[in-house]
C-alpha cells in the first residue's frame, strides 16, 4: 500500500469523500492496496455497507492528488479519505445504497469525535480538484448522513456576486481564476442537479445562496 508519514505540523482537519470509480469492489480493493497504483485511502465502504479500514488515519494516504481548498494545498497532508464503492461516471454511475449511508454516517461520527473535525470540513473530491474529479457526484446526498456542511450566518447585505459565493463555498483563489467553470459544476453536484454544466441561471444562484446560508 502507498502511504507517507504525516509531518508534525500537518494535522488532520478534513474528511474527503470519494467514489471508487471502478467496475466492482474487488478491483477497487486491490488497486487501493497495490503499491504500483500510486493511490490509497484510509477507508473503503462497499455497497453492502461493509467498512474496510485500509490505513490508519495517523498516516497520510494518497487519495486527494493535486488539490486546493481555501488556503490549503495538497489536501492529502490534512485529510482522511473515504472511498464509497460506486462504478462512477465512467462505468455506470449509480445511486448510493442505504447501507452505505448508514455505514459512512457511523464512520464519520467516529472520526469527528476522535480527530475533532468540524462538519464544514467534510468535503468532496470534486471540491478540492474540480478540474479533475467528479466524485462522489450528484447522486450523493449528504443530508442522508445528517451532516450540515454549511452553517454560515447570512451576510447583512445579500451577496450578489457569484465569485463571492464560490469563495465562501471554499474554492481557492487560484482555482477560481483557472477553473471557474469547473467550480460551478462542482457546486451543482453538491446541489444534486441532474444536469451538470457551467451555465449560471437565477435559479442556480438562488439555490447556491440557500445552500450556503439557509
N, C-alpha and C. Protein backbone atom coordinates (compact mmCIF):
# COMPACT_ATOMS: atom_id res chain seq x y z
N UNK A 1 0.83 -1.20 0.00
CA UNK A 1 0.00 0.00 0.00
C UNK A 1 0.87 1.25 0.00
N UNK A 2 0.37 2.28 -0.67
CA UNK A 2 1.07 3.56 -0.71
C UNK A 2 0.63 4.44 0.46
N UNK A 3 1.60 4.97 1.18
CA UNK A 3 1.29 5.93 2.24
C UNK A 3 2.57 6.67 2.61
N UNK A 4 2.39 7.75 3.36
CA UNK A 4 3.52 8.55 3.84
C UNK A 4 3.27 8.89 5.30
N UNK A 5 4.32 9.33 5.96
CA UNK A 5 4.17 9.82 7.33
C UNK A 5 3.64 11.25 7.30
N UNK A 6 2.81 11.57 8.25
CA UNK A 6 2.33 12.95 8.36
C UNK A 6 3.39 13.78 9.08
N UNK A 7 3.65 14.96 8.56
CA UNK A 7 4.58 15.86 9.23
C UNK A 7 3.91 16.41 10.48
N UNK A 8 4.71 16.75 11.46
CA UNK A 8 4.18 17.16 12.76
C UNK A 8 3.28 18.39 12.66
N UNK A 9 3.55 19.26 11.70
CA UNK A 9 2.73 20.47 11.57
C UNK A 9 1.55 20.30 10.63
N UNK A 10 1.31 19.05 10.19
CA UNK A 10 0.19 18.76 9.29
C UNK A 10 -0.82 17.89 10.03
N UNK A 11 -1.78 18.50 10.67
CA UNK A 11 -2.76 17.75 11.44
C UNK A 11 -4.02 17.51 10.62
N UNK A 12 -4.74 16.46 10.95
CA UNK A 12 -5.97 16.12 10.22
C UNK A 12 -7.04 17.16 10.51
N UNK A 13 -7.55 17.77 9.45
CA UNK A 13 -8.60 18.78 9.56
C UNK A 13 -9.83 18.44 8.71
N UNK A 14 -9.65 17.57 7.71
CA UNK A 14 -10.70 17.33 6.73
C UNK A 14 -10.99 15.85 6.56
N UNK A 15 -12.23 15.57 6.17
CA UNK A 15 -12.62 14.26 5.65
C UNK A 15 -13.01 14.47 4.20
N UNK A 16 -12.43 13.70 3.31
CA UNK A 16 -12.74 13.84 1.89
C UNK A 16 -13.46 12.59 1.41
N UNK A 17 -14.61 12.79 0.80
CA UNK A 17 -15.45 11.68 0.34
C UNK A 17 -15.22 11.47 -1.17
N UNK A 18 -14.99 10.22 -1.55
CA UNK A 18 -14.73 9.83 -2.93
C UNK A 18 -15.69 8.73 -3.35
N UNK A 19 -15.72 8.43 -4.64
CA UNK A 19 -16.19 7.13 -5.08
C UNK A 19 -15.03 6.39 -5.73
N UNK A 20 -15.16 5.05 -5.80
CA UNK A 20 -14.06 4.24 -6.31
C UNK A 20 -13.90 4.41 -7.81
N UNK A 21 -15.00 4.56 -8.54
CA UNK A 21 -14.92 4.75 -9.98
C UNK A 21 -14.37 3.54 -10.71
N UNK A 22 -14.66 2.35 -10.20
CA UNK A 22 -14.19 1.12 -10.83
C UNK A 22 -15.35 0.15 -10.99
N UNK A 23 -15.14 -0.88 -11.79
CA UNK A 23 -16.24 -1.77 -12.18
C UNK A 23 -16.82 -2.55 -11.00
N UNK A 24 -16.01 -2.89 -10.02
CA UNK A 24 -16.51 -3.69 -8.89
C UNK A 24 -15.63 -3.46 -7.67
N UNK A 25 -16.08 -4.02 -6.55
CA UNK A 25 -15.39 -3.82 -5.28
C UNK A 25 -14.00 -4.45 -5.29
N UNK A 26 -13.88 -5.64 -5.83
CA UNK A 26 -12.57 -6.31 -5.84
C UNK A 26 -11.52 -5.50 -6.57
N UNK A 27 -11.90 -4.94 -7.71
CA UNK A 27 -10.97 -4.12 -8.48
C UNK A 27 -10.51 -2.92 -7.67
N UNK A 28 -11.46 -2.28 -6.99
CA UNK A 28 -11.12 -1.11 -6.17
C UNK A 28 -10.24 -1.50 -4.99
N UNK A 29 -10.60 -2.60 -4.33
CA UNK A 29 -9.83 -3.04 -3.16
C UNK A 29 -8.38 -3.32 -3.53
N UNK A 30 -8.17 -4.02 -4.62
CA UNK A 30 -6.80 -4.38 -4.99
C UNK A 30 -6.02 -3.16 -5.49
N UNK A 31 -6.68 -2.25 -6.17
CA UNK A 31 -5.98 -1.05 -6.61
C UNK A 31 -5.56 -0.19 -5.44
N UNK A 32 -6.43 -0.05 -4.46
CA UNK A 32 -6.12 0.77 -3.29
C UNK A 32 -5.04 0.16 -2.41
N UNK A 33 -4.78 -1.12 -2.59
CA UNK A 33 -3.73 -1.79 -1.82
C UNK A 33 -2.48 -2.09 -2.65
N UNK A 34 -2.50 -1.71 -3.92
CA UNK A 34 -1.39 -2.00 -4.82
C UNK A 34 -0.34 -0.89 -4.75
N UNK A 35 0.87 -1.22 -4.42
CA UNK A 35 1.93 -0.22 -4.28
C UNK A 35 2.28 0.43 -5.62
N UNK A 36 1.91 -0.21 -6.72
CA UNK A 36 2.21 0.35 -8.04
C UNK A 36 1.09 1.25 -8.58
N UNK A 37 0.02 1.40 -7.81
CA UNK A 37 -1.13 2.16 -8.30
C UNK A 37 -1.01 3.67 -8.04
N UNK A 38 -0.14 4.04 -7.10
CA UNK A 38 0.05 5.44 -6.71
C UNK A 38 -1.19 6.06 -6.07
N UNK A 39 -2.10 5.21 -5.59
CA UNK A 39 -3.26 5.71 -4.87
C UNK A 39 -3.50 4.84 -3.63
N UNK A 40 -4.20 5.41 -2.66
CA UNK A 40 -4.60 4.66 -1.46
C UNK A 40 -5.63 5.50 -0.73
N UNK A 41 -6.26 4.92 0.26
CA UNK A 41 -7.20 5.68 1.09
C UNK A 41 -7.23 5.05 2.48
N UNK A 42 -7.92 5.68 3.38
CA UNK A 42 -8.00 5.17 4.75
C UNK A 42 -9.15 4.18 4.91
N UNK A 43 -10.29 4.49 4.28
CA UNK A 43 -11.47 3.63 4.44
C UNK A 43 -12.13 3.40 3.09
N UNK A 44 -12.68 2.21 2.95
CA UNK A 44 -13.45 1.82 1.77
C UNK A 44 -14.77 1.23 2.26
N UNK A 45 -15.87 1.70 1.70
CA UNK A 45 -17.19 1.21 2.11
C UNK A 45 -17.87 0.56 0.91
N UNK A 46 -18.20 -0.71 1.06
CA UNK A 46 -18.84 -1.46 -0.02
C UNK A 46 -20.31 -1.08 -0.14
N UNK A 47 -20.94 -1.50 -1.22
CA UNK A 47 -22.35 -1.21 -1.42
C UNK A 47 -23.22 -1.94 -0.40
N UNK A 48 -22.69 -3.00 0.20
CA UNK A 48 -23.42 -3.70 1.25
C UNK A 48 -23.21 -3.04 2.62
N UNK A 49 -22.38 -2.00 2.66
CA UNK A 49 -22.16 -1.27 3.91
C UNK A 49 -20.97 -1.73 4.73
N UNK A 50 -20.21 -2.68 4.21
CA UNK A 50 -19.04 -3.16 4.94
C UNK A 50 -17.93 -2.11 4.88
N UNK A 51 -17.36 -1.80 6.04
CA UNK A 51 -16.29 -0.80 6.13
C UNK A 51 -14.94 -1.51 6.20
N UNK A 52 -14.06 -1.19 5.25
CA UNK A 52 -12.70 -1.70 5.27
C UNK A 52 -11.78 -0.57 5.74
N UNK A 53 -11.08 -0.80 6.84
CA UNK A 53 -10.08 0.15 7.31
C UNK A 53 -8.74 -0.24 6.67
N UNK A 54 -8.38 0.43 5.59
CA UNK A 54 -7.20 0.06 4.83
C UNK A 54 -5.91 0.67 5.38
N UNK A 55 -6.03 1.82 6.03
CA UNK A 55 -4.84 2.51 6.54
C UNK A 55 -5.21 3.31 7.78
N UNK A 56 -4.35 3.26 8.77
CA UNK A 56 -4.57 4.07 9.98
C UNK A 56 -4.55 5.55 9.61
N UNK A 57 -5.53 6.33 10.07
CA UNK A 57 -5.56 7.76 9.73
C UNK A 57 -4.37 8.55 10.23
N UNK A 58 -3.55 7.96 11.11
CA UNK A 58 -2.34 8.65 11.56
C UNK A 58 -1.34 8.80 10.43
N UNK A 59 -1.49 7.96 9.39
CA UNK A 59 -0.62 8.04 8.22
C UNK A 59 -1.33 8.78 7.09
N UNK A 60 -0.55 9.31 6.18
CA UNK A 60 -1.09 10.05 5.04
C UNK A 60 -1.33 9.11 3.87
N UNK A 61 -2.58 9.03 3.44
CA UNK A 61 -2.93 8.23 2.26
C UNK A 61 -2.84 9.11 1.02
N UNK A 62 -2.78 8.46 -0.13
CA UNK A 62 -2.63 9.17 -1.40
C UNK A 62 -3.97 9.15 -2.14
N UNK A 63 -4.90 9.92 -1.69
CA UNK A 63 -6.26 9.89 -2.24
C UNK A 63 -6.70 11.19 -2.90
N UNK A 64 -6.14 12.30 -2.49
CA UNK A 64 -6.62 13.60 -2.96
C UNK A 64 -5.94 14.06 -4.24
N UNK A 65 -4.68 13.70 -4.42
CA UNK A 65 -3.93 14.16 -5.59
C UNK A 65 -3.69 15.66 -5.52
N UNK A 66 -3.43 16.24 -6.69
CA UNK A 66 -3.21 17.68 -6.75
C UNK A 66 -4.50 18.39 -6.38
N UNK A 67 -4.47 19.19 -5.31
CA UNK A 67 -5.71 19.71 -4.76
C UNK A 67 -5.49 21.00 -4.00
N UNK A 68 -6.57 21.78 -3.91
CA UNK A 68 -6.57 23.02 -3.12
C UNK A 68 -7.95 23.22 -2.51
N UNK A 69 -7.95 23.81 -1.32
CA UNK A 69 -9.21 24.15 -0.66
C UNK A 69 -8.96 25.32 0.26
N UNK A 70 -9.64 26.41 0.02
CA UNK A 70 -9.40 27.65 0.77
C UNK A 70 -7.92 28.01 0.69
N UNK A 71 -7.23 28.04 1.82
CA UNK A 71 -5.81 28.40 1.79
C UNK A 71 -4.89 27.19 1.90
N UNK A 72 -5.45 26.00 1.73
CA UNK A 72 -4.66 24.77 1.83
C UNK A 72 -4.37 24.20 0.44
N UNK A 73 -3.18 23.65 0.30
CA UNK A 73 -2.83 22.91 -0.92
C UNK A 73 -2.41 21.51 -0.50
N UNK A 74 -2.46 20.59 -1.45
CA UNK A 74 -2.08 19.19 -1.17
C UNK A 74 -2.86 18.65 0.02
N UNK A 75 -4.14 18.41 -0.20
CA UNK A 75 -5.05 18.04 0.88
C UNK A 75 -4.74 16.68 1.50
N UNK A 76 -3.92 15.87 0.84
CA UNK A 76 -3.50 14.62 1.47
C UNK A 76 -2.88 14.86 2.84
N UNK A 77 -2.17 15.98 2.96
CA UNK A 77 -1.47 16.28 4.20
C UNK A 77 -2.40 16.46 5.39
N UNK A 78 -3.63 16.87 5.12
CA UNK A 78 -4.53 17.29 6.19
C UNK A 78 -5.80 16.46 6.29
N UNK A 79 -5.88 15.35 5.57
CA UNK A 79 -7.20 14.73 5.44
C UNK A 79 -7.22 13.22 5.63
N UNK A 80 -8.44 12.75 5.85
CA UNK A 80 -8.76 11.32 5.87
C UNK A 80 -9.63 11.05 4.65
N UNK A 81 -9.28 10.03 3.89
CA UNK A 81 -10.02 9.72 2.67
C UNK A 81 -10.94 8.53 2.83
N UNK A 82 -12.20 8.72 2.43
CA UNK A 82 -13.19 7.64 2.45
C UNK A 82 -13.65 7.37 1.03
N UNK A 83 -13.50 6.15 0.59
CA UNK A 83 -13.95 5.73 -0.75
C UNK A 83 -15.25 4.94 -0.63
N UNK A 84 -16.24 5.32 -1.41
CA UNK A 84 -17.50 4.60 -1.48
C UNK A 84 -17.54 3.79 -2.77
N UNK A 85 -17.87 2.52 -2.64
CA UNK A 85 -17.96 1.68 -3.84
C UNK A 85 -19.04 2.23 -4.77
N UNK A 86 -18.62 2.60 -5.96
CA UNK A 86 -19.55 3.07 -6.99
C UNK A 86 -18.78 3.07 -8.30
N UNK A 87 -19.42 2.59 -9.35
CA UNK A 87 -18.73 2.48 -10.64
C UNK A 87 -18.38 3.84 -11.23
N UNK A 88 -19.02 4.87 -10.77
CA UNK A 88 -18.67 6.22 -11.20
C UNK A 88 -19.17 6.55 -12.60
N UNK A 89 -18.88 7.76 -13.03
CA UNK A 89 -19.39 8.26 -14.29
C UNK A 89 -18.85 7.50 -15.50
N UNK A 90 -17.72 6.86 -15.34
CA UNK A 90 -17.11 6.16 -16.47
C UNK A 90 -17.72 4.79 -16.72
N UNK A 91 -18.17 4.12 -15.66
CA UNK A 91 -18.60 2.72 -15.80
C UNK A 91 -20.07 2.49 -15.49
N UNK A 92 -20.84 3.56 -15.27
CA UNK A 92 -22.26 3.38 -14.97
C UNK A 92 -22.61 3.89 -13.59
N UNK A 93 -22.54 5.18 -13.43
CA UNK A 93 -22.77 5.85 -12.14
C UNK A 93 -24.14 5.49 -11.60
N UNK A 94 -24.19 5.15 -10.31
CA UNK A 94 -25.43 4.71 -9.70
C UNK A 94 -25.63 5.43 -8.37
N UNK A 95 -26.86 5.38 -7.86
CA UNK A 95 -27.14 5.94 -6.54
C UNK A 95 -26.46 5.08 -5.46
N UNK A 96 -26.12 5.73 -4.36
CA UNK A 96 -25.51 5.01 -3.25
C UNK A 96 -26.60 4.26 -2.47
N UNK A 97 -26.19 3.21 -1.79
CA UNK A 97 -27.16 2.37 -1.10
C UNK A 97 -27.44 2.89 0.31
N UNK A 98 -28.57 2.45 0.83
CA UNK A 98 -28.95 2.81 2.20
C UNK A 98 -27.89 2.33 3.18
N UNK A 99 -27.36 1.14 2.94
CA UNK A 99 -26.35 0.61 3.85
C UNK A 99 -25.05 1.41 3.80
N UNK A 100 -24.72 1.93 2.64
CA UNK A 100 -23.54 2.79 2.56
C UNK A 100 -23.73 4.07 3.38
N UNK A 101 -24.92 4.66 3.29
CA UNK A 101 -25.19 5.85 4.07
C UNK A 101 -25.14 5.56 5.57
N UNK A 102 -25.69 4.43 5.97
CA UNK A 102 -25.65 4.07 7.39
C UNK A 102 -24.21 3.91 7.87
N UNK A 103 -23.39 3.26 7.06
CA UNK A 103 -22.01 3.00 7.46
C UNK A 103 -21.16 4.26 7.47
N UNK A 104 -21.31 5.10 6.44
CA UNK A 104 -20.49 6.32 6.41
C UNK A 104 -20.93 7.28 7.51
N UNK A 105 -22.20 7.23 7.88
CA UNK A 105 -22.67 8.04 8.99
C UNK A 105 -21.97 7.63 10.29
N UNK A 106 -21.91 6.34 10.55
CA UNK A 106 -21.23 5.83 11.75
C UNK A 106 -19.75 6.18 11.72
N UNK A 107 -19.13 5.97 10.57
CA UNK A 107 -17.69 6.22 10.44
C UNK A 107 -17.36 7.70 10.63
N UNK A 108 -18.12 8.57 9.99
CA UNK A 108 -17.84 10.00 10.10
C UNK A 108 -18.04 10.50 11.53
N UNK A 109 -19.08 10.03 12.19
CA UNK A 109 -19.29 10.44 13.58
C UNK A 109 -18.10 10.01 14.45
N UNK A 110 -17.58 8.82 14.19
CA UNK A 110 -16.40 8.33 14.90
C UNK A 110 -15.19 9.23 14.63
N UNK A 111 -14.98 9.58 13.38
CA UNK A 111 -13.81 10.40 13.01
C UNK A 111 -13.94 11.82 13.55
N UNK A 112 -15.14 12.38 13.50
CA UNK A 112 -15.37 13.72 14.04
C UNK A 112 -14.99 13.77 15.51
N UNK A 113 -15.41 12.76 16.24
CA UNK A 113 -15.15 12.72 17.68
C UNK A 113 -13.67 12.53 17.98
N UNK A 114 -13.02 11.63 17.26
CA UNK A 114 -11.64 11.28 17.59
C UNK A 114 -10.60 12.22 16.99
N UNK A 115 -10.94 12.91 15.93
CA UNK A 115 -9.98 13.83 15.31
C UNK A 115 -10.43 15.28 15.37
N UNK A 116 -11.53 15.53 16.06
CA UNK A 116 -12.03 16.90 16.28
C UNK A 116 -12.21 17.63 14.95
N UNK A 117 -12.91 16.99 14.03
CA UNK A 117 -13.13 17.55 12.70
C UNK A 117 -14.48 18.26 12.67
N UNK A 118 -14.48 19.48 12.18
CA UNK A 118 -15.72 20.25 12.07
C UNK A 118 -16.54 19.75 10.88
N UNK A 119 -17.85 19.83 11.00
CA UNK A 119 -18.72 19.33 9.94
C UNK A 119 -18.51 20.07 8.62
N UNK A 120 -18.14 21.36 8.69
CA UNK A 120 -17.93 22.09 7.45
C UNK A 120 -16.63 21.68 6.75
N UNK A 121 -15.84 20.85 7.40
CA UNK A 121 -14.61 20.33 6.79
C UNK A 121 -14.79 18.91 6.26
N UNK A 122 -16.03 18.50 6.08
CA UNK A 122 -16.33 17.24 5.38
C UNK A 122 -16.65 17.63 3.94
N UNK A 123 -15.74 17.31 3.04
CA UNK A 123 -15.80 17.85 1.69
C UNK A 123 -15.68 16.74 0.65
N UNK A 124 -15.87 17.13 -0.60
CA UNK A 124 -15.88 16.17 -1.71
C UNK A 124 -14.59 16.26 -2.52
N UNK A 125 -14.26 15.16 -3.17
CA UNK A 125 -13.11 15.16 -4.07
C UNK A 125 -13.30 16.20 -5.17
N UNK A 126 -14.52 16.35 -5.65
CA UNK A 126 -14.80 17.32 -6.70
C UNK A 126 -14.66 18.76 -6.22
N UNK A 127 -14.69 18.98 -4.92
CA UNK A 127 -14.50 20.33 -4.37
C UNK A 127 -13.03 20.73 -4.42
N UNK A 128 -12.15 19.80 -4.10
CA UNK A 128 -10.73 20.13 -3.96
C UNK A 128 -9.95 19.96 -5.26
N UNK A 129 -10.58 19.32 -6.25
CA UNK A 129 -9.96 19.14 -7.56
C UNK A 129 -11.03 19.19 -8.64
N UNK A 130 -11.76 20.30 -8.74
CA UNK A 130 -12.93 20.36 -9.64
C UNK A 130 -12.58 20.19 -11.11
N UNK A 131 -11.38 20.51 -11.48
CA UNK A 131 -10.96 20.37 -12.88
C UNK A 131 -10.64 18.93 -13.25
N UNK A 132 -10.50 18.06 -12.24
CA UNK A 132 -10.10 16.67 -12.50
C UNK A 132 -11.15 15.65 -12.07
N UNK A 133 -11.92 15.95 -11.04
CA UNK A 133 -12.72 14.93 -10.39
C UNK A 133 -14.21 15.29 -10.33
N UNK A 134 -15.04 14.24 -10.32
CA UNK A 134 -16.49 14.40 -10.25
C UNK A 134 -17.08 13.75 -9.01
N UNK A 135 -16.28 13.05 -8.24
CA UNK A 135 -16.81 12.25 -7.14
C UNK A 135 -16.91 13.04 -5.83
N UNK A 136 -17.85 12.61 -4.98
CA UNK A 136 -18.74 11.46 -5.09
C UNK A 136 -19.92 11.67 -6.03
N UNK A 137 -20.07 12.90 -6.54
CA UNK A 137 -21.04 13.13 -7.59
C UNK A 137 -22.41 13.58 -7.14
N UNK A 138 -23.22 13.89 -8.13
CA UNK A 138 -24.55 14.47 -7.90
C UNK A 138 -25.55 13.49 -7.31
N UNK A 139 -25.23 12.20 -7.27
CA UNK A 139 -26.12 11.20 -6.69
C UNK A 139 -25.77 10.88 -5.23
N UNK A 140 -24.86 11.66 -4.67
CA UNK A 140 -24.55 11.50 -3.25
C UNK A 140 -25.28 12.59 -2.47
N UNK A 141 -26.10 12.18 -1.52
CA UNK A 141 -26.92 13.10 -0.74
C UNK A 141 -26.39 13.18 0.69
N UNK A 142 -25.72 14.28 0.99
CA UNK A 142 -25.08 14.40 2.30
C UNK A 142 -26.12 14.53 3.42
N UNK A 143 -27.32 14.96 3.10
CA UNK A 143 -28.37 15.03 4.12
C UNK A 143 -28.70 13.65 4.67
N UNK A 144 -28.40 12.60 3.90
CA UNK A 144 -28.67 11.24 4.36
C UNK A 144 -27.74 10.79 5.48
N UNK A 145 -26.70 11.58 5.74
CA UNK A 145 -25.81 11.22 6.86
C UNK A 145 -25.83 12.30 7.94
N UNK A 146 -26.88 13.17 7.88
CA UNK A 146 -27.11 14.16 8.93
C UNK A 146 -25.91 15.08 9.16
N UNK A 147 -25.27 15.47 8.08
CA UNK A 147 -24.16 16.40 8.17
C UNK A 147 -24.58 17.73 7.55
N UNK A 148 -24.34 18.80 8.28
CA UNK A 148 -24.62 20.14 7.78
C UNK A 148 -23.28 20.80 7.43
N UNK A 149 -22.94 20.75 6.17
CA UNK A 149 -21.66 21.31 5.75
C UNK A 149 -21.59 22.82 5.92
N UNK A 150 -22.72 23.47 5.78
CA UNK A 150 -22.73 24.93 5.80
C UNK A 150 -23.65 25.43 6.91
N UNK A 151 -23.07 26.16 7.84
CA UNK A 151 -23.84 26.75 8.93
C UNK A 151 -23.50 28.24 9.04
N UNK A 152 -23.25 28.84 7.90
CA UNK A 152 -22.80 30.23 7.88
C UNK A 152 -23.98 31.17 8.13
N UNK A 153 -23.71 32.25 8.83
CA UNK A 153 -24.74 33.24 9.06
C UNK A 153 -24.91 34.08 7.80
N UNK A 154 -26.15 34.36 7.42
CA UNK A 154 -26.36 35.19 6.23
C UNK A 154 -25.72 36.56 6.40
N UNK A 155 -25.08 37.06 5.37
CA UNK A 155 -24.47 38.39 5.47
C UNK A 155 -25.54 39.47 5.60
N UNK A 156 -25.15 40.60 6.15
CA UNK A 156 -26.10 41.71 6.35
C UNK A 156 -26.68 42.15 5.00
N UNK A 157 -25.81 42.30 4.01
CA UNK A 157 -26.25 42.60 2.66
C UNK A 157 -26.11 41.34 1.82
N UNK A 158 -27.18 40.93 1.16
CA UNK A 158 -27.16 39.69 0.41
C UNK A 158 -26.07 39.71 -0.65
N UNK A 159 -25.27 38.65 -0.68
CA UNK A 159 -24.20 38.54 -1.67
C UNK A 159 -24.81 38.38 -3.06
N UNK A 160 -24.36 39.19 -3.98
CA UNK A 160 -24.88 39.13 -5.35
C UNK A 160 -23.84 38.59 -6.32
N UNK A 161 -22.59 38.65 -5.94
CA UNK A 161 -21.53 38.21 -6.84
C UNK A 161 -21.36 36.70 -6.78
N UNK A 162 -21.36 36.06 -7.93
CA UNK A 162 -21.14 34.62 -7.98
C UNK A 162 -19.76 34.26 -7.45
N UNK A 163 -18.77 35.07 -7.78
CA UNK A 163 -17.41 34.80 -7.27
C UNK A 163 -17.36 34.82 -5.76
N UNK A 164 -18.13 35.71 -5.15
CA UNK A 164 -18.18 35.77 -3.68
C UNK A 164 -18.78 34.51 -3.11
N UNK A 165 -19.82 34.00 -3.76
CA UNK A 165 -20.43 32.76 -3.31
C UNK A 165 -19.46 31.59 -3.46
N UNK A 166 -18.76 31.55 -4.59
CA UNK A 166 -17.79 30.47 -4.82
C UNK A 166 -16.66 30.52 -3.81
N UNK A 167 -16.23 31.71 -3.47
CA UNK A 167 -15.17 31.87 -2.46
C UNK A 167 -15.66 31.44 -1.09
N UNK A 168 -16.90 31.81 -0.76
CA UNK A 168 -17.49 31.42 0.52
C UNK A 168 -17.65 29.91 0.60
N UNK A 169 -17.98 29.29 -0.52
CA UNK A 169 -18.11 27.82 -0.57
C UNK A 169 -16.80 27.16 -0.15
N UNK A 170 -15.67 27.72 -0.63
CA UNK A 170 -14.38 27.18 -0.20
C UNK A 170 -13.32 27.04 -1.27
N UNK A 171 -13.66 27.37 -2.52
CA UNK A 171 -12.67 27.22 -3.58
C UNK A 171 -11.52 28.22 -3.40
N UNK A 172 -10.33 27.77 -3.73
CA UNK A 172 -9.16 28.63 -3.60
C UNK A 172 -9.17 29.71 -4.67
N UNK A 173 -8.44 30.78 -4.43
CA UNK A 173 -8.36 31.89 -5.38
C UNK A 173 -7.78 31.42 -6.72
N UNK A 174 -6.80 30.56 -6.65
CA UNK A 174 -6.16 30.07 -7.88
C UNK A 174 -7.14 29.25 -8.70
N UNK A 175 -7.89 28.37 -8.03
CA UNK A 175 -8.85 27.54 -8.76
C UNK A 175 -9.98 28.38 -9.34
N UNK A 176 -10.39 29.42 -8.62
CA UNK A 176 -11.44 30.29 -9.15
C UNK A 176 -10.97 31.02 -10.40
N UNK A 177 -9.70 31.34 -10.44
CA UNK A 177 -9.14 32.03 -11.59
C UNK A 177 -8.94 31.08 -12.78
N UNK A 178 -8.47 29.88 -12.51
CA UNK A 178 -8.11 28.94 -13.57
C UNK A 178 -9.26 28.01 -13.99
N UNK A 179 -10.13 27.65 -13.00
CA UNK A 179 -11.12 26.60 -13.26
C UNK A 179 -12.52 27.01 -12.82
N UNK A 180 -12.88 28.25 -13.05
CA UNK A 180 -14.16 28.76 -12.56
C UNK A 180 -15.34 27.92 -13.03
N UNK A 181 -15.36 27.54 -14.30
CA UNK A 181 -16.48 26.76 -14.82
C UNK A 181 -16.57 25.39 -14.15
N UNK A 182 -15.43 24.79 -13.84
CA UNK A 182 -15.43 23.51 -13.14
C UNK A 182 -15.91 23.67 -11.70
N UNK A 183 -15.58 24.80 -11.08
CA UNK A 183 -16.05 25.06 -9.73
C UNK A 183 -17.57 25.16 -9.71
N UNK A 184 -18.14 25.80 -10.71
CA UNK A 184 -19.60 25.90 -10.81
C UNK A 184 -20.22 24.51 -10.93
N UNK A 185 -19.61 23.66 -11.75
CA UNK A 185 -20.14 22.30 -11.91
C UNK A 185 -20.02 21.51 -10.61
N UNK A 186 -18.95 21.73 -9.85
CA UNK A 186 -18.80 21.05 -8.56
C UNK A 186 -19.91 21.45 -7.61
N UNK A 187 -20.28 22.72 -7.61
CA UNK A 187 -21.38 23.18 -6.76
C UNK A 187 -22.68 22.51 -7.20
N UNK A 188 -22.90 22.39 -8.49
CA UNK A 188 -24.12 21.75 -8.98
C UNK A 188 -24.19 20.28 -8.53
N UNK A 189 -23.04 19.64 -8.44
CA UNK A 189 -23.03 18.26 -7.92
C UNK A 189 -23.43 18.27 -6.44
N UNK A 190 -22.94 19.24 -5.69
CA UNK A 190 -23.33 19.34 -4.28
C UNK A 190 -24.81 19.62 -4.12
N UNK A 191 -25.37 20.32 -5.08
CA UNK A 191 -26.80 20.63 -5.06
C UNK A 191 -27.65 19.50 -5.64
N UNK A 192 -26.98 18.43 -6.09
CA UNK A 192 -27.67 17.26 -6.64
C UNK A 192 -28.46 17.58 -7.91
N UNK A 193 -27.93 18.51 -8.69
CA UNK A 193 -28.53 18.77 -10.00
C UNK A 193 -28.38 17.55 -10.90
N UNK A 194 -29.36 17.30 -11.72
CA UNK A 194 -29.26 16.19 -12.67
C UNK A 194 -28.43 16.59 -13.90
N UNK A 195 -28.60 17.84 -14.32
CA UNK A 195 -27.82 18.35 -15.46
C UNK A 195 -26.64 19.14 -14.92
N UNK A 196 -25.44 18.67 -15.22
CA UNK A 196 -24.23 19.31 -14.71
C UNK A 196 -23.54 20.05 -15.84
N UNK A 197 -23.59 21.37 -15.77
CA UNK A 197 -22.88 22.21 -16.72
C UNK A 197 -22.47 23.51 -16.02
N UNK A 198 -21.85 24.41 -16.75
CA UNK A 198 -21.35 25.64 -16.12
C UNK A 198 -22.27 26.84 -16.36
N UNK A 199 -23.49 26.58 -16.82
CA UNK A 199 -24.45 27.66 -17.05
C UNK A 199 -24.91 28.23 -15.71
N UNK A 200 -24.91 29.54 -15.60
CA UNK A 200 -25.32 30.21 -14.37
C UNK A 200 -26.67 30.88 -14.60
N UNK A 201 -27.68 30.36 -13.94
CA UNK A 201 -29.03 30.92 -14.04
C UNK A 201 -29.41 31.58 -12.72
N UNK A 202 -30.53 32.29 -12.73
CA UNK A 202 -31.03 32.90 -11.49
C UNK A 202 -31.37 31.82 -10.47
N UNK A 203 -31.93 30.72 -10.94
CA UNK A 203 -32.28 29.62 -10.04
C UNK A 203 -31.03 29.03 -9.40
N UNK A 204 -29.98 28.86 -10.21
CA UNK A 204 -28.74 28.31 -9.65
C UNK A 204 -28.18 29.24 -8.57
N UNK A 205 -28.14 30.53 -8.83
CA UNK A 205 -27.61 31.45 -7.83
C UNK A 205 -28.44 31.44 -6.56
N UNK A 206 -29.76 31.32 -6.73
CA UNK A 206 -30.65 31.24 -5.56
C UNK A 206 -30.41 29.95 -4.78
N UNK A 207 -30.33 28.84 -5.49
CA UNK A 207 -30.05 27.54 -4.84
C UNK A 207 -28.70 27.56 -4.14
N UNK A 208 -27.73 28.15 -4.78
CA UNK A 208 -26.37 28.23 -4.23
C UNK A 208 -26.38 29.05 -2.94
N UNK A 209 -27.05 30.19 -2.96
CA UNK A 209 -27.14 31.03 -1.77
C UNK A 209 -27.81 30.28 -0.62
N UNK A 210 -28.90 29.59 -0.94
CA UNK A 210 -29.62 28.84 0.09
C UNK A 210 -28.78 27.68 0.64
N UNK A 211 -27.96 27.07 -0.20
CA UNK A 211 -27.06 26.02 0.26
C UNK A 211 -26.10 26.54 1.32
N UNK A 212 -25.59 27.74 1.09
CA UNK A 212 -24.59 28.30 1.99
C UNK A 212 -25.16 28.88 3.27
N UNK A 213 -26.34 29.49 3.16
CA UNK A 213 -26.79 30.33 4.28
C UNK A 213 -28.12 29.91 4.90
N UNK A 214 -28.79 28.88 4.36
CA UNK A 214 -30.09 28.52 4.94
C UNK A 214 -30.14 27.04 5.28
